[in-house]
């Protein structure tokens, strides 16, 4: 989808590394869960999350119109 907006390498590779291979855990009352891989999505409150979400939903109109 980013190709449709004119993004190319190496920026696409950088975006790919930004949204893939992420890990997360939950911390509550000083206890931490196991670390798990996150297979998709963008980090909550990430600097680029709103931009990537806007690009994603902008491309959805071709699927639903």
N, C-alpha and C. Protein backbone atom coordinates (compact mmCIF):
# COMPACT_ATOMS: atom_id res chain seq x y z
N UNK A 1 0.82 -1.19 0.00
CA UNK A 1 0.00 0.00 0.00
C UNK A 1 0.86 1.26 0.00
N UNK A 2 1.99 1.22 0.70
CA UNK A 2 2.85 2.39 0.72
C UNK A 2 3.46 2.67 -0.64
N UNK A 3 3.64 1.63 -1.44
CA UNK A 3 4.11 1.84 -2.81
C UNK A 3 3.14 2.70 -3.61
N UNK A 4 1.84 2.52 -3.37
CA UNK A 4 0.82 3.30 -4.08
C UNK A 4 0.92 4.79 -3.76
N UNK A 5 1.50 5.13 -2.62
CA UNK A 5 1.65 6.52 -2.23
C UNK A 5 3.02 7.09 -2.59
N UNK A 6 3.80 6.32 -3.33
CA UNK A 6 5.08 6.81 -3.81
C UNK A 6 6.26 6.53 -2.91
N UNK A 7 6.06 5.78 -1.84
CA UNK A 7 7.18 5.41 -0.97
C UNK A 7 8.01 4.34 -1.66
N UNK A 8 9.31 4.41 -1.52
CA UNK A 8 10.20 3.41 -2.12
C UNK A 8 11.30 3.02 -1.14
N UNK A 9 12.21 2.19 -1.62
CA UNK A 9 13.35 1.79 -0.78
C UNK A 9 14.27 2.99 -0.60
N UNK A 10 14.98 3.14 0.46
CA UNK A 10 15.06 2.28 1.64
C UNK A 10 13.97 2.57 2.67
N UNK A 11 13.11 3.55 2.39
CA UNK A 11 12.08 3.90 3.37
C UNK A 11 11.13 2.74 3.64
N UNK A 12 10.77 1.98 2.61
CA UNK A 12 9.88 0.83 2.82
C UNK A 12 10.53 -0.22 3.72
N UNK A 13 11.81 -0.43 3.56
CA UNK A 13 12.51 -1.38 4.43
C UNK A 13 12.52 -0.88 5.87
N UNK A 14 12.67 0.42 6.05
CA UNK A 14 12.67 0.98 7.39
C UNK A 14 11.29 0.84 8.02
N UNK A 15 10.22 1.15 7.25
CA UNK A 15 8.86 0.97 7.76
C UNK A 15 8.62 -0.49 8.13
N UNK A 16 9.11 -1.40 7.31
CA UNK A 16 8.95 -2.82 7.59
C UNK A 16 9.59 -3.21 8.91
N UNK A 17 10.77 -2.70 9.17
CA UNK A 17 11.43 -3.02 10.43
C UNK A 17 10.73 -2.34 11.61
N UNK A 18 10.04 -1.25 11.35
CA UNK A 18 9.31 -0.53 12.40
C UNK A 18 8.09 -1.33 12.87
N UNK A 19 7.42 -2.03 11.94
CA UNK A 19 6.19 -2.72 12.32
C UNK A 19 6.34 -4.23 12.47
N UNK A 20 7.48 -4.78 12.13
CA UNK A 20 7.71 -6.21 12.29
C UNK A 20 8.74 -6.44 13.40
N UNK A 21 8.75 -7.63 13.88
CA UNK A 21 9.73 -8.05 14.88
C UNK A 21 9.62 -7.29 16.20
N UNK A 22 8.41 -6.81 16.51
CA UNK A 22 8.21 -6.13 17.78
C UNK A 22 7.89 -7.16 18.86
N UNK A 23 8.22 -6.80 20.06
CA UNK A 23 7.93 -7.65 21.22
C UNK A 23 7.25 -6.80 22.27
N UNK A 24 6.47 -7.44 23.13
CA UNK A 24 5.82 -6.69 24.20
C UNK A 24 5.63 -7.57 25.42
N UNK A 25 5.39 -6.90 26.54
CA UNK A 25 5.06 -7.60 27.77
C UNK A 25 4.14 -6.68 28.57
N UNK A 26 3.51 -7.25 29.58
CA UNK A 26 2.63 -6.49 30.47
C UNK A 26 3.29 -6.43 31.83
N UNK A 27 3.26 -5.26 32.42
CA UNK A 27 3.78 -5.08 33.77
C UNK A 27 2.65 -4.58 34.66
N UNK A 28 2.42 -5.29 35.78
CA UNK A 28 1.34 -4.92 36.69
C UNK A 28 1.79 -5.20 38.11
N UNK A 29 1.75 -4.17 38.92
CA UNK A 29 2.12 -4.28 40.33
C UNK A 29 3.51 -4.90 40.51
N UNK A 30 4.43 -4.50 39.65
CA UNK A 30 5.81 -4.96 39.76
C UNK A 30 6.09 -6.32 39.15
N UNK A 31 5.07 -6.99 38.67
CA UNK A 31 5.24 -8.29 38.02
C UNK A 31 5.19 -8.11 36.51
N UNK A 32 6.01 -8.86 35.80
CA UNK A 32 6.06 -8.77 34.33
C UNK A 32 5.65 -10.10 33.72
N UNK A 33 4.87 -10.02 32.65
CA UNK A 33 4.50 -11.23 31.91
C UNK A 33 5.67 -11.68 31.04
N UNK A 34 5.50 -12.82 30.40
CA UNK A 34 6.48 -13.27 29.42
C UNK A 34 6.49 -12.30 28.25
N UNK A 35 7.61 -12.20 27.59
CA UNK A 35 7.73 -11.38 26.39
C UNK A 35 7.19 -12.19 25.21
N UNK A 36 6.31 -11.56 24.42
CA UNK A 36 5.73 -12.23 23.26
C UNK A 36 6.01 -11.43 22.00
N UNK A 37 6.02 -12.11 20.86
CA UNK A 37 6.16 -11.45 19.56
C UNK A 37 4.82 -10.86 19.16
N UNK A 38 4.86 -9.69 18.56
CA UNK A 38 3.66 -9.03 18.05
C UNK A 38 3.73 -9.11 16.53
N UNK A 39 2.86 -9.93 15.90
CA UNK A 39 3.00 -10.18 14.47
C UNK A 39 2.50 -9.05 13.55
N UNK A 40 1.71 -8.12 14.07
CA UNK A 40 1.18 -7.07 13.19
C UNK A 40 0.80 -5.85 14.02
N UNK A 41 0.48 -4.78 13.31
CA UNK A 41 0.07 -3.56 13.97
C UNK A 41 1.22 -2.58 14.13
N UNK A 42 0.90 -1.45 14.73
CA UNK A 42 1.90 -0.43 15.00
C UNK A 42 1.91 -0.15 16.49
N UNK A 43 3.03 0.33 17.02
CA UNK A 43 3.09 0.61 18.45
C UNK A 43 2.08 1.69 18.86
N UNK A 44 1.40 1.46 19.96
CA UNK A 44 0.49 2.48 20.47
C UNK A 44 1.29 3.71 20.85
N UNK A 45 0.77 4.86 20.48
CA UNK A 45 1.40 6.14 20.76
C UNK A 45 2.76 6.30 20.10
N UNK A 46 3.05 5.47 19.08
CA UNK A 46 4.28 5.63 18.33
C UNK A 46 4.20 6.88 17.47
N UNK A 47 5.32 7.48 17.20
CA UNK A 47 5.34 8.73 16.44
C UNK A 47 4.76 8.57 15.04
N UNK A 48 4.93 7.42 14.44
CA UNK A 48 4.44 7.20 13.08
C UNK A 48 3.10 6.48 13.02
N UNK A 49 2.56 6.09 14.17
CA UNK A 49 1.33 5.29 14.19
C UNK A 49 0.16 6.01 13.53
N UNK A 50 -0.03 7.28 13.83
CA UNK A 50 -1.15 8.02 13.23
C UNK A 50 -0.98 8.17 11.72
N UNK A 51 0.24 8.43 11.27
CA UNK A 51 0.49 8.56 9.84
C UNK A 51 0.20 7.24 9.13
N UNK A 52 0.71 6.13 9.67
CA UNK A 52 0.49 4.83 9.04
C UNK A 52 -0.98 4.44 9.07
N UNK A 53 -1.69 4.77 10.15
CA UNK A 53 -3.12 4.50 10.22
C UNK A 53 -3.87 5.31 9.15
N UNK A 54 -3.53 6.58 9.00
CA UNK A 54 -4.19 7.43 8.00
C UNK A 54 -3.94 6.90 6.59
N UNK A 55 -2.74 6.46 6.30
CA UNK A 55 -2.44 5.88 4.98
C UNK A 55 -3.25 4.59 4.79
N UNK A 56 -3.34 3.77 5.83
CA UNK A 56 -4.08 2.52 5.74
C UNK A 56 -5.56 2.75 5.47
N UNK A 57 -6.21 3.64 6.23
CA UNK A 57 -7.65 3.83 6.03
C UNK A 57 -7.94 4.59 4.75
N UNK A 58 -7.01 5.39 4.27
CA UNK A 58 -7.21 6.08 3.00
C UNK A 58 -7.31 5.08 1.87
N UNK A 59 -6.58 3.98 1.94
CA UNK A 59 -6.62 2.96 0.91
C UNK A 59 -7.80 2.01 1.02
N UNK A 60 -8.56 2.08 2.12
CA UNK A 60 -9.67 1.16 2.32
C UNK A 60 -10.88 1.49 1.46
N UNK A 61 -11.00 2.72 1.00
CA UNK A 61 -12.20 3.09 0.24
C UNK A 61 -12.32 2.28 -1.06
N UNK A 62 -11.22 1.82 -1.61
CA UNK A 62 -11.30 1.00 -2.82
C UNK A 62 -11.90 -0.37 -2.53
N UNK A 63 -11.84 -0.82 -1.28
CA UNK A 63 -12.41 -2.11 -0.91
C UNK A 63 -13.89 -2.01 -0.57
N UNK A 64 -14.34 -0.86 -0.08
CA UNK A 64 -15.69 -0.74 0.44
C UNK A 64 -16.60 0.14 -0.39
N UNK A 65 -16.12 0.73 -1.45
CA UNK A 65 -16.99 1.59 -2.29
C UNK A 65 -17.35 0.91 -3.58
